[in-house]
């Protein structure tokens, strides 16, 4: 199956280099490029049903990536979005994770670690750079490490998980996805088992 990654970064050299690296490192990959928030919004609007991952730069010429992250998480809760940043900023990292990002990747990361981070995220995990792990509370670590075991979930179950992690109830998730509450409950049971946790609160982002 062809994999699709949206790269949003205003630095042509970095963006084009990253796209070339993705093509060299992954089979059957299609990369969509955007150089600002406006073009990123348009790309997401056109392709959100088929995008597997968004790699989003934090500093863009027409705004901040964290603002676009928040917007996309509301508009397209099923999208996996990782933030690219020029700095290892603990406060920014924690803010993006609370908004639902699946990774925080410093731009000075080595090629090997960058690719490992992308593979981890594509498998359903969450990437946090080693230098920032100490800033994550033990409760949060348990919550997010559990999400590394979701690679076997269906597309619908991933949608349920994305909404569950924001703290929505089964009834609210059912309304959001236009499915029955009983169906949501069944999905949640499978998700908890797959993640190896006993409570839905263990999967939620701290508020």
N, C-alpha and C. Protein backbone atom coordinates (compact mmCIF):
# COMPACT_ATOMS: atom_id res chain seq x y z
N UNK A 1 0.84 -1.19 0.00
CA UNK A 1 0.00 0.00 0.00
C UNK A 1 0.89 1.25 0.00
N UNK A 2 0.52 2.22 -0.82
CA UNK A 2 1.32 3.44 -0.95
C UNK A 2 1.14 4.33 0.28
N UNK A 3 2.24 4.79 0.84
CA UNK A 3 2.23 5.62 2.02
C UNK A 3 2.37 7.08 1.61
N UNK A 4 1.64 7.96 2.32
CA UNK A 4 1.65 9.37 1.95
C UNK A 4 2.04 10.23 3.16
N UNK A 5 3.04 11.07 2.98
CA UNK A 5 3.51 11.95 4.05
C UNK A 5 3.47 13.39 3.58
N UNK A 6 2.86 14.25 4.39
CA UNK A 6 2.82 15.68 4.10
C UNK A 6 3.93 16.37 4.89
N UNK A 7 4.82 17.05 4.18
CA UNK A 7 5.93 17.78 4.81
C UNK A 7 5.66 19.28 4.67
N UNK A 8 5.51 19.96 5.81
CA UNK A 8 5.24 21.40 5.81
C UNK A 8 6.44 22.11 6.43
N UNK A 9 7.23 22.77 5.59
CA UNK A 9 8.44 23.46 6.05
C UNK A 9 8.79 24.54 5.04
N UNK A 10 9.13 25.73 5.51
CA UNK A 10 9.39 26.83 4.58
C UNK A 10 10.82 26.85 4.05
N UNK A 11 11.72 26.08 4.66
CA UNK A 11 13.11 26.02 4.18
C UNK A 11 13.20 25.02 3.04
N UNK A 12 13.38 25.51 1.82
CA UNK A 12 13.40 24.64 0.65
C UNK A 12 14.46 23.55 0.77
N UNK A 13 15.64 23.92 1.23
CA UNK A 13 16.73 22.95 1.32
C UNK A 13 16.39 21.82 2.30
N UNK A 14 15.87 22.19 3.47
CA UNK A 14 15.52 21.17 4.46
C UNK A 14 14.36 20.32 3.97
N UNK A 15 13.32 20.97 3.46
CA UNK A 15 12.13 20.24 3.02
C UNK A 15 12.45 19.28 1.88
N UNK A 16 13.16 19.76 0.88
CA UNK A 16 13.49 18.92 -0.26
C UNK A 16 14.45 17.81 0.13
N UNK A 17 15.37 18.11 1.05
CA UNK A 17 16.28 17.07 1.53
C UNK A 17 15.55 15.99 2.30
N UNK A 18 14.57 16.40 3.12
CA UNK A 18 13.78 15.44 3.88
C UNK A 18 12.95 14.57 2.96
N UNK A 19 12.34 15.18 1.96
CA UNK A 19 11.54 14.41 1.00
C UNK A 19 12.41 13.41 0.25
N UNK A 20 13.61 13.83 -0.16
CA UNK A 20 14.54 12.91 -0.84
C UNK A 20 14.92 11.75 0.08
N UNK A 21 15.16 12.05 1.35
CA UNK A 21 15.49 11.01 2.32
C UNK A 21 14.34 10.03 2.48
N UNK A 22 13.13 10.52 2.53
CA UNK A 22 11.96 9.65 2.66
C UNK A 22 11.84 8.72 1.45
N UNK A 23 12.05 9.27 0.26
CA UNK A 23 11.98 8.45 -0.95
C UNK A 23 13.07 7.38 -0.97
N UNK A 24 14.24 7.72 -0.47
CA UNK A 24 15.36 6.77 -0.45
C UNK A 24 15.18 5.69 0.62
N UNK A 25 14.44 6.00 1.67
CA UNK A 25 14.39 5.11 2.84
C UNK A 25 13.13 4.28 2.94
N UNK A 26 12.07 4.67 2.25
CA UNK A 26 10.80 3.95 2.33
C UNK A 26 10.33 3.56 0.93
N UNK A 27 9.75 2.39 0.83
CA UNK A 27 9.19 1.94 -0.44
C UNK A 27 7.76 2.46 -0.59
N UNK A 28 7.35 2.67 -1.83
CA UNK A 28 5.97 3.07 -2.13
C UNK A 28 5.52 4.27 -1.31
N UNK A 29 6.31 5.33 -1.36
CA UNK A 29 5.97 6.53 -0.60
C UNK A 29 5.68 7.69 -1.53
N UNK A 30 4.69 8.48 -1.17
CA UNK A 30 4.38 9.70 -1.90
C UNK A 30 4.49 10.85 -0.91
N UNK A 31 5.25 11.88 -1.26
CA UNK A 31 5.42 13.03 -0.38
C UNK A 31 4.70 14.24 -0.97
N UNK A 32 3.97 14.92 -0.11
CA UNK A 32 3.30 16.16 -0.49
C UNK A 32 4.05 17.29 0.21
N UNK A 33 4.38 18.33 -0.51
CA UNK A 33 5.16 19.43 0.07
C UNK A 33 4.32 20.69 0.21
N UNK A 34 4.53 21.39 1.32
CA UNK A 34 3.92 22.70 1.55
C UNK A 34 4.95 23.57 2.25
N UNK A 35 4.93 24.88 1.96
CA UNK A 35 5.97 25.76 2.50
C UNK A 35 5.45 26.81 3.48
N UNK A 36 4.17 26.71 3.85
CA UNK A 36 3.60 27.66 4.80
C UNK A 36 2.30 27.09 5.36
N UNK A 37 1.72 27.78 6.32
CA UNK A 37 0.48 27.30 6.91
C UNK A 37 -0.63 27.25 5.87
N UNK A 38 -0.74 28.29 5.05
CA UNK A 38 -1.81 28.35 4.05
C UNK A 38 -1.76 27.16 3.09
N UNK A 39 -0.57 26.87 2.56
CA UNK A 39 -0.46 25.74 1.63
C UNK A 39 -0.60 24.41 2.36
N UNK A 40 -0.20 24.37 3.64
CA UNK A 40 -0.39 23.16 4.44
C UNK A 40 -1.85 22.87 4.68
N UNK A 41 -2.62 23.92 4.98
CA UNK A 41 -4.07 23.78 5.19
C UNK A 41 -4.73 23.25 3.93
N UNK A 42 -4.34 23.80 2.78
CA UNK A 42 -4.92 23.37 1.51
C UNK A 42 -4.56 21.92 1.20
N UNK A 43 -3.30 21.55 1.45
CA UNK A 43 -2.87 20.16 1.20
C UNK A 43 -3.64 19.20 2.10
N UNK A 44 -3.83 19.56 3.36
CA UNK A 44 -4.57 18.71 4.28
C UNK A 44 -6.03 18.59 3.85
N UNK A 45 -6.60 19.68 3.39
CA UNK A 45 -7.99 19.65 2.92
C UNK A 45 -8.17 18.69 1.75
N UNK A 46 -7.21 18.70 0.85
CA UNK A 46 -7.31 17.87 -0.35
C UNK A 46 -6.96 16.40 -0.10
N UNK A 47 -6.05 16.14 0.83
CA UNK A 47 -5.49 14.80 0.95
C UNK A 47 -5.64 14.15 2.33
N UNK A 48 -6.41 14.74 3.25
CA UNK A 48 -6.42 14.23 4.62
C UNK A 48 -6.89 12.78 4.73
N UNK A 49 -7.68 12.32 3.77
CA UNK A 49 -8.17 10.94 3.83
C UNK A 49 -7.06 9.92 3.55
N UNK A 50 -6.00 10.36 2.88
CA UNK A 50 -4.95 9.41 2.48
C UNK A 50 -3.59 9.70 3.12
N UNK A 51 -3.48 10.76 3.90
CA UNK A 51 -2.20 11.11 4.54
C UNK A 51 -1.95 10.20 5.74
N UNK A 52 -0.76 9.60 5.79
CA UNK A 52 -0.38 8.74 6.91
C UNK A 52 0.33 9.52 8.01
N UNK A 53 1.01 10.59 7.63
CA UNK A 53 1.77 11.36 8.62
C UNK A 53 2.00 12.78 8.10
N UNK A 54 1.91 13.74 9.02
CA UNK A 54 2.26 15.13 8.71
C UNK A 54 3.51 15.49 9.51
N UNK A 55 4.55 15.96 8.82
CA UNK A 55 5.76 16.46 9.47
C UNK A 55 5.69 17.98 9.37
N UNK A 56 5.47 18.63 10.50
CA UNK A 56 5.12 20.05 10.53
C UNK A 56 6.18 20.89 11.24
N UNK A 57 6.76 21.82 10.50
CA UNK A 57 7.74 22.74 11.09
C UNK A 57 7.03 23.69 12.05
N UNK A 58 7.69 24.02 13.15
CA UNK A 58 7.03 24.90 14.13
C UNK A 58 7.02 26.35 13.69
N UNK A 59 8.10 26.81 13.07
CA UNK A 59 8.18 28.22 12.68
C UNK A 59 8.00 28.36 11.17
N UNK A 60 6.86 28.94 10.79
CA UNK A 60 6.53 29.12 9.38
C UNK A 60 6.31 30.61 9.11
N UNK A 61 6.44 31.04 7.86
CA UNK A 61 6.38 32.48 7.56
C UNK A 61 5.04 33.12 7.88
N UNK A 62 3.95 32.35 7.88
CA UNK A 62 2.63 32.93 8.13
C UNK A 62 2.03 32.46 9.45
N UNK A 63 2.87 31.98 10.37
CA UNK A 63 2.35 31.58 11.67
C UNK A 63 3.17 30.46 12.29
N UNK A 64 2.69 29.97 13.42
CA UNK A 64 3.38 28.92 14.15
C UNK A 64 2.76 27.55 13.88
N UNK A 65 3.62 26.56 13.78
CA UNK A 65 3.15 25.21 13.54
C UNK A 65 2.22 24.70 14.62
N UNK A 66 2.44 25.13 15.86
CA UNK A 66 1.59 24.65 16.95
C UNK A 66 0.15 25.12 16.75
N UNK A 67 -0.04 26.27 16.13
CA UNK A 67 -1.39 26.76 15.84
C UNK A 67 -2.06 25.89 14.78
N UNK A 68 -1.28 25.53 13.76
CA UNK A 68 -1.82 24.65 12.72
C UNK A 68 -2.08 23.26 13.28
N UNK A 69 -1.22 22.79 14.18
CA UNK A 69 -1.43 21.50 14.84
C UNK A 69 -2.78 21.49 15.54
N UNK A 70 -3.05 22.53 16.33
CA UNK A 70 -4.32 22.60 17.06
C UNK A 70 -5.51 22.61 16.10
N UNK A 71 -5.38 23.35 15.01
CA UNK A 71 -6.45 23.43 14.02
C UNK A 71 -6.70 22.08 13.35
N UNK A 72 -5.62 21.42 12.95
CA UNK A 72 -5.75 20.13 12.29
C UNK A 72 -6.31 19.05 13.22
N UNK A 73 -5.93 19.10 14.49
CA UNK A 73 -6.42 18.10 15.44
C UNK A 73 -7.93 18.20 15.61
N UNK A 74 -8.47 19.40 15.44
CA UNK A 74 -9.93 19.57 15.52
C UNK A 74 -10.58 19.16 14.20
N UNK A 75 -9.99 19.62 13.10
CA UNK A 75 -10.58 19.38 11.78
C UNK A 75 -10.40 17.94 11.32
N UNK A 76 -9.22 17.38 11.57
CA UNK A 76 -8.91 16.02 11.11
C UNK A 76 -8.30 15.22 12.26
N UNK A 77 -9.10 14.79 13.24
CA UNK A 77 -8.56 14.13 14.44
C UNK A 77 -7.84 12.82 14.16
N UNK A 78 -8.06 12.25 12.96
CA UNK A 78 -7.41 10.98 12.63
C UNK A 78 -5.97 11.17 12.15
N UNK A 79 -5.58 12.41 11.82
CA UNK A 79 -4.24 12.64 11.27
C UNK A 79 -3.16 12.50 12.33
N UNK A 80 -2.06 11.84 11.97
CA UNK A 80 -0.88 11.77 12.83
C UNK A 80 0.03 12.94 12.45
N UNK A 81 0.36 13.79 13.43
CA UNK A 81 1.14 14.99 13.16
C UNK A 81 2.33 15.05 14.10
N UNK A 82 3.53 15.17 13.54
CA UNK A 82 4.75 15.33 14.33
C UNK A 82 5.32 16.72 14.08
N UNK A 83 5.82 17.33 15.14
CA UNK A 83 6.38 18.68 15.05
C UNK A 83 7.88 18.61 14.81
N UNK A 84 8.35 19.42 13.85
CA UNK A 84 9.78 19.60 13.60
C UNK A 84 10.18 20.93 14.23
N UNK A 85 11.27 20.96 14.96
CA UNK A 85 11.68 22.20 15.61
C UNK A 85 13.19 22.37 15.55
N UNK A 86 13.61 23.62 15.47
CA UNK A 86 15.05 23.91 15.44
C UNK A 86 15.68 23.75 16.81
N UNK A 87 14.86 23.68 17.86
CA UNK A 87 15.39 23.59 19.22
C UNK A 87 14.74 22.46 20.00
N UNK A 88 15.49 21.96 21.00
CA UNK A 88 14.92 21.02 21.96
C UNK A 88 14.30 21.85 23.08
N UNK A 89 13.07 22.24 22.87
CA UNK A 89 12.37 23.14 23.79
C UNK A 89 11.37 22.34 24.62
N UNK A 90 11.63 22.10 25.90
CA UNK A 90 10.74 21.28 26.73
C UNK A 90 9.31 21.81 26.80
N UNK A 91 9.16 23.12 26.93
CA UNK A 91 7.82 23.69 27.04
C UNK A 91 7.04 23.52 25.75
N UNK A 92 7.70 23.76 24.62
CA UNK A 92 7.04 23.59 23.33
C UNK A 92 6.68 22.13 23.12
N UNK A 93 7.59 21.23 23.46
CA UNK A 93 7.33 19.80 23.30
C UNK A 93 6.09 19.39 24.10
N UNK A 94 6.03 19.79 25.36
CA UNK A 94 4.89 19.40 26.19
C UNK A 94 3.60 20.02 25.68
N UNK A 95 3.68 21.23 25.17
CA UNK A 95 2.48 21.86 24.61
C UNK A 95 1.98 21.11 23.38
N UNK A 96 2.90 20.72 22.50
CA UNK A 96 2.49 20.00 21.29
C UNK A 96 1.93 18.62 21.62
N UNK A 97 2.50 17.95 22.61
CA UNK A 97 2.00 16.64 23.00
C UNK A 97 0.59 16.75 23.57
N UNK A 98 0.35 17.78 24.36
CA UNK A 98 -0.98 17.99 24.93
C UNK A 98 -2.01 18.25 23.84
N UNK A 99 -1.56 18.85 22.74
CA UNK A 99 -2.46 19.13 21.63
C UNK A 99 -2.68 17.91 20.74
N UNK A 100 -1.92 16.84 20.99
CA UNK A 100 -2.14 15.61 20.24
C UNK A 100 -1.08 15.25 19.23
N UNK A 101 0.07 15.93 19.24
CA UNK A 101 1.16 15.56 18.34
C UNK A 101 1.66 14.16 18.69
N UNK A 102 2.12 13.43 17.67
CA UNK A 102 2.62 12.07 17.90
C UNK A 102 4.15 12.05 17.94
N UNK A 103 4.76 13.22 17.91
CA UNK A 103 6.21 13.26 17.99
C UNK A 103 6.71 14.69 18.01
N UNK A 104 7.91 14.86 18.58
CA UNK A 104 8.59 16.15 18.60
C UNK A 104 10.02 15.87 18.16
N UNK A 105 10.37 16.32 16.95
CA UNK A 105 11.64 15.94 16.33
C UNK A 105 12.51 17.18 16.11
N UNK A 106 13.60 17.35 16.87
CA UNK A 106 14.52 18.45 16.63
C UNK A 106 15.17 18.31 15.25
N UNK A 107 15.39 19.43 14.58
CA UNK A 107 15.95 19.37 13.23
C UNK A 107 17.41 18.97 13.20
N UNK A 108 18.08 19.05 14.34
CA UNK A 108 19.48 18.62 14.37
C UNK A 108 19.63 17.14 14.68
N UNK A 109 18.51 16.42 14.67
CA UNK A 109 18.53 14.98 14.89
C UNK A 109 19.30 14.29 13.77
N UNK A 110 20.06 13.26 14.10
CA UNK A 110 20.81 12.53 13.08
C UNK A 110 19.85 11.83 12.12
N UNK A 111 20.34 11.53 10.93
CA UNK A 111 19.50 10.86 9.93
C UNK A 111 18.97 9.54 10.45
N UNK A 112 19.81 8.76 11.10
CA UNK A 112 19.39 7.44 11.61
C UNK A 112 18.28 7.58 12.63
N UNK A 113 18.42 8.52 13.55
CA UNK A 113 17.40 8.70 14.59
C UNK A 113 16.12 9.28 13.98
N UNK A 114 16.27 10.19 13.03
CA UNK A 114 15.11 10.76 12.35
C UNK A 114 14.28 9.67 11.69
N UNK A 115 14.94 8.78 10.97
CA UNK A 115 14.23 7.69 10.31
C UNK A 115 13.60 6.74 11.32
N UNK A 116 14.31 6.47 12.41
CA UNK A 116 13.76 5.60 13.46
C UNK A 116 12.52 6.24 14.07
N UNK A 117 12.58 7.56 14.27
CA UNK A 117 11.44 8.28 14.83
C UNK A 117 10.23 8.18 13.91
N UNK A 118 10.45 8.36 12.62
CA UNK A 118 9.35 8.30 11.65
C UNK A 118 8.77 6.89 11.59
N UNK A 119 9.63 5.88 11.62
CA UNK A 119 9.14 4.49 11.60
C UNK A 119 8.32 4.20 12.86
N UNK A 120 8.79 4.67 14.00
CA UNK A 120 8.07 4.47 15.25
C UNK A 120 6.68 5.11 15.18
N UNK A 121 6.62 6.32 14.68
CA UNK A 121 5.35 7.03 14.58
C UNK A 121 4.41 6.32 13.61
N UNK A 122 4.94 5.90 12.47
CA UNK A 122 4.11 5.21 11.48
C UNK A 122 3.58 3.88 12.00
N UNK A 123 4.29 3.29 12.98
CA UNK A 123 3.85 2.03 13.59
C UNK A 123 2.86 2.27 14.72
N UNK A 124 2.53 3.53 14.96
CA UNK A 124 1.55 3.83 16.00
C UNK A 124 2.15 4.34 17.29
N UNK A 125 3.47 4.57 17.31
CA UNK A 125 4.13 5.02 18.52
C UNK A 125 4.22 6.53 18.62
N UNK A 126 4.89 6.99 19.65
CA UNK A 126 5.10 8.41 19.88
C UNK A 126 6.58 8.64 20.12
N UNK A 127 7.16 9.64 19.42
CA UNK A 127 8.59 9.89 19.54
C UNK A 127 8.87 11.12 20.39
N UNK A 128 9.73 10.92 21.39
CA UNK A 128 10.23 12.01 22.22
C UNK A 128 11.75 11.89 22.23
N UNK A 129 12.48 12.95 21.90
CA UNK A 129 13.95 12.86 21.89
C UNK A 129 14.49 12.54 23.27
N UNK A 130 15.57 11.76 23.29
CA UNK A 130 16.13 11.29 24.55
C UNK A 130 16.44 12.44 25.51
N UNK A 131 16.92 13.54 24.97
CA UNK A 131 17.30 14.66 25.81
C UNK A 131 16.14 15.35 26.51
N UNK A 132 14.91 15.03 26.07
CA UNK A 132 13.73 15.67 26.66
C UNK A 132 12.88 14.70 27.48
N UNK A 133 13.28 13.44 27.54
CA UNK A 133 12.48 12.44 28.25
C UNK A 133 12.30 12.80 29.72
N UNK A 134 13.31 13.42 30.32
CA UNK A 134 13.24 13.72 31.75
C UNK A 134 12.18 14.76 32.07
N UNK A 135 11.69 15.46 31.05
CA UNK A 135 10.67 16.49 31.29
C UNK A 135 9.26 15.91 31.27
N UNK A 136 9.15 14.62 30.93
CA UNK A 136 7.85 13.98 30.88
C UNK A 136 7.58 13.32 32.23
N UNK A 137 6.42 13.57 32.81
CA UNK A 137 6.09 12.96 34.09
C UNK A 137 5.89 11.47 33.92
N UNK A 138 6.03 10.70 34.99
CA UNK A 138 5.87 9.25 34.90
C UNK A 138 4.48 8.89 34.42
N UNK A 139 3.47 9.63 34.86
CA UNK A 139 2.10 9.35 34.42
C UNK A 139 1.97 9.54 32.92
N UNK A 140 2.58 10.62 32.43
CA UNK A 140 2.50 10.90 31.00
C UNK A 140 3.29 9.87 30.21
N UNK A 141 4.43 9.45 30.73
CA UNK A 141 5.23 8.45 30.04
C UNK A 141 4.44 7.17 29.86
N UNK A 142 3.75 6.72 30.90
CA UNK A 142 2.96 5.51 30.80
C UNK A 142 1.87 5.67 29.76
N UNK A 143 1.24 6.83 29.76
CA UNK A 143 0.17 7.08 28.81
C UNK A 143 0.66 6.99 27.39
N UNK A 144 1.79 7.66 27.10
CA UNK A 144 2.21 7.76 25.71
C UNK A 144 3.01 6.55 25.24
N UNK A 145 3.72 5.91 26.14
CA UNK A 145 4.41 4.69 25.73
C UNK A 145 3.41 3.60 25.39
N UNK A 146 2.25 3.62 26.05
CA UNK A 146 1.22 2.63 25.75
C UNK A 146 0.76 2.74 24.31
N UNK A 147 0.80 3.95 23.76
CA UNK A 147 0.31 4.17 22.41
C UNK A 147 1.25 3.57 21.36
N UNK A 148 2.45 3.14 21.76
CA UNK A 148 3.36 2.51 20.81
C UNK A 148 2.87 1.14 20.37
N UNK A 149 1.83 0.61 21.02
CA UNK A 149 1.37 -0.74 20.73
C UNK A 149 0.05 -0.72 19.94
N UNK A 150 -0.15 0.28 19.11
CA UNK A 150 -1.42 0.42 18.40
C UNK A 150 -1.32 0.08 16.91
N UNK A 151 -0.19 -0.50 16.49
CA UNK A 151 -0.01 -0.72 15.05
C UNK A 151 -1.02 -1.70 14.46
N UNK A 152 -1.64 -2.52 15.31
CA UNK A 152 -2.59 -3.51 14.80
C UNK A 152 -4.03 -3.01 14.82
N UNK A 153 -4.25 -1.79 15.23
CA UNK A 153 -5.61 -1.24 15.25
C UNK A 153 -6.08 -0.91 13.84
N UNK A 154 -7.39 -1.00 13.64
CA UNK A 154 -7.97 -0.62 12.35
C UNK A 154 -8.02 0.90 12.24
N UNK A 155 -8.32 1.38 11.04
CA UNK A 155 -8.43 2.82 10.85
C UNK A 155 -9.48 3.44 11.76
N UNK A 156 -10.63 2.79 11.89
CA UNK A 156 -11.69 3.30 12.76
C UNK A 156 -11.25 3.30 14.22
N UNK A 157 -10.55 2.25 14.63
CA UNK A 157 -10.09 2.19 16.02
C UNK A 157 -9.06 3.28 16.31
N UNK A 158 -8.26 3.63 15.31
CA UNK A 158 -7.30 4.73 15.49
C UNK A 158 -8.05 6.06 15.64
N UNK A 159 -9.15 6.21 14.90
CA UNK A 159 -9.96 7.42 15.04
C UNK A 159 -10.55 7.50 16.45
N UNK A 160 -11.07 6.36 16.93
CA UNK A 160 -11.61 6.32 18.29
C UNK A 160 -10.52 6.65 19.30
N UNK A 161 -9.32 6.08 19.11
CA UNK A 161 -8.21 6.33 20.03
C UNK A 161 -7.84 7.81 20.06
N UNK A 162 -7.78 8.44 18.87
CA UNK A 162 -7.42 9.86 18.81
C UNK A 162 -8.39 10.72 19.62
N UNK A 163 -9.67 10.39 19.53
CA UNK A 163 -10.68 11.15 20.27
C UNK A 163 -10.67 10.78 21.75
N UNK A 164 -10.44 9.50 22.03
CA UNK A 164 -10.37 9.04 23.41
C UNK A 164 -9.25 9.74 24.16
N UNK A 165 -8.13 9.95 23.47
CA UNK A 165 -6.96 10.56 24.11
C UNK A 165 -7.20 12.03 24.45
N UNK A 166 -8.21 12.65 23.82
CA UNK A 166 -8.53 14.04 24.16
C UNK A 166 -9.49 14.13 25.34
N UNK A 167 -9.96 12.97 25.84
CA UNK A 167 -10.83 12.95 27.01
C UNK A 167 -12.31 12.86 26.71
N UNK A 168 -12.69 12.64 25.44
CA UNK A 168 -14.11 12.53 25.10
C UNK A 168 -14.70 11.26 25.68
N UNK A 169 -15.99 11.32 26.01
CA UNK A 169 -16.71 10.14 26.50
C UNK A 169 -17.12 9.27 25.31
N UNK A 170 -17.58 8.04 25.60
CA UNK A 170 -18.05 7.15 24.53
C UNK A 170 -19.18 7.81 23.74
N UNK A 171 -20.08 8.47 24.46
CA UNK A 171 -21.21 9.12 23.80
C UNK A 171 -20.74 10.23 22.87
N UNK A 172 -19.77 11.01 23.32
CA UNK A 172 -19.25 12.11 22.50
C UNK A 172 -18.49 11.58 21.28
N UNK A 173 -17.74 10.49 21.47
CA UNK A 173 -17.02 9.87 20.35
C UNK A 173 -18.01 9.33 19.33
N UNK A 174 -19.07 8.68 19.82
CA UNK A 174 -20.09 8.13 18.93
C UNK A 174 -20.72 9.24 18.08
N UNK A 175 -21.01 10.36 18.71
CA UNK A 175 -21.60 11.48 17.99
C UNK A 175 -20.62 12.05 16.97
N UNK A 176 -19.36 12.16 17.36
CA UNK A 176 -18.33 12.72 16.47
C UNK A 176 -18.12 11.86 15.23
N UNK A 177 -18.18 10.52 15.39
CA UNK A 177 -17.90 9.60 14.29
C UNK A 177 -19.16 9.05 13.63
N UNK A 178 -20.33 9.46 14.15
CA UNK A 178 -21.63 9.00 13.60
C UNK A 178 -21.76 7.48 13.65
N UNK A 179 -21.38 6.90 14.79
CA UNK A 179 -21.55 5.46 15.02
C UNK A 179 -22.24 5.28 16.36
N UNK A 180 -22.67 4.05 16.65
CA UNK A 180 -23.39 3.80 17.90
C UNK A 180 -22.45 3.80 19.09
N UNK A 181 -23.00 4.09 20.27
CA UNK A 181 -22.20 4.08 21.48
C UNK A 181 -21.70 2.67 21.79
N UNK A 182 -22.51 1.66 21.45
CA UNK A 182 -22.10 0.27 21.67
C UNK A 182 -20.88 -0.07 20.83
N UNK A 183 -20.84 0.45 19.60
CA UNK A 183 -19.69 0.21 18.72
C UNK A 183 -18.44 0.88 19.28
N UNK A 184 -18.61 2.09 19.79
CA UNK A 184 -17.48 2.78 20.42
C UNK A 184 -16.96 1.97 21.59
N UNK A 185 -17.86 1.47 22.43
CA UNK A 185 -17.46 0.69 23.61
C UNK A 185 -16.66 -0.53 23.20
N UNK A 186 -17.09 -1.20 22.11
CA UNK A 186 -16.37 -2.38 21.63
C UNK A 186 -14.97 -2.00 21.15
N UNK A 187 -14.87 -0.87 20.43
CA UNK A 187 -13.57 -0.40 19.97
C UNK A 187 -12.65 -0.06 21.14
N UNK A 188 -13.20 0.60 22.16
CA UNK A 188 -12.40 0.99 23.32
C UNK A 188 -11.85 -0.23 24.03
N UNK A 189 -12.65 -1.28 24.13
CA UNK A 189 -12.19 -2.52 24.76
C UNK A 189 -10.98 -3.09 24.03
N UNK A 190 -11.05 -3.10 22.70
CA UNK A 190 -9.94 -3.61 21.89
C UNK A 190 -8.71 -2.71 22.03
N UNK A 191 -8.93 -1.40 22.04
CA UNK A 191 -7.82 -0.45 22.16
C UNK A 191 -7.10 -0.62 23.48
N UNK A 192 -7.84 -0.74 24.58
CA UNK A 192 -7.23 -0.92 25.90
C UNK A 192 -6.40 -2.20 25.94
N UNK A 193 -6.94 -3.26 25.35
CA UNK A 193 -6.22 -4.54 25.34
C UNK A 193 -4.95 -4.42 24.50
N UNK A 194 -5.04 -3.76 23.34
CA UNK A 194 -3.88 -3.61 22.46
C UNK A 194 -2.78 -2.78 23.11
N UNK A 195 -3.18 -1.78 23.88
CA UNK A 195 -2.21 -0.88 24.51
C UNK A 195 -1.70 -1.42 25.84
N UNK A 196 -2.31 -2.49 26.32
CA UNK A 196 -1.85 -3.09 27.57
C UNK A 196 -2.16 -2.26 28.79
N UNK A 197 -3.27 -1.51 28.75
CA UNK A 197 -3.68 -0.70 29.90
C UNK A 197 -5.08 -1.12 30.33
N UNK A 198 -5.44 -0.76 31.55
CA UNK A 198 -6.74 -1.16 32.09
C UNK A 198 -7.75 -0.03 32.13
N UNK A 199 -7.28 1.20 31.94
CA UNK A 199 -8.17 2.35 32.06
C UNK A 199 -7.95 3.32 30.91
N UNK A 200 -9.03 3.88 30.41
CA UNK A 200 -8.93 4.85 29.31
C UNK A 200 -8.16 6.10 29.73
N UNK A 201 -8.18 6.43 31.01
CA UNK A 201 -7.45 7.61 31.47
C UNK A 201 -5.94 7.46 31.28
N UNK A 202 -5.46 6.22 31.19
CA UNK A 202 -4.03 5.99 30.98
C UNK A 202 -3.61 6.36 29.56
N UNK A 203 -4.58 6.53 28.67
CA UNK A 203 -4.28 6.88 27.28
C UNK A 203 -4.48 8.36 27.00
N UNK A 204 -5.04 9.08 27.95
CA UNK A 204 -5.35 10.48 27.72
C UNK A 204 -4.14 11.37 27.98
N UNK A 205 -4.09 12.48 27.25
CA UNK A 205 -3.05 13.48 27.50
C UNK A 205 -3.39 14.24 28.76
N UNK A 206 -2.42 14.47 29.63
CA UNK A 206 -2.67 15.26 30.83
C UNK A 206 -3.15 16.66 30.46
N UNK A 207 -4.04 17.21 31.26
CA UNK A 207 -4.60 18.55 30.98
C UNK A 207 -3.87 19.60 31.79
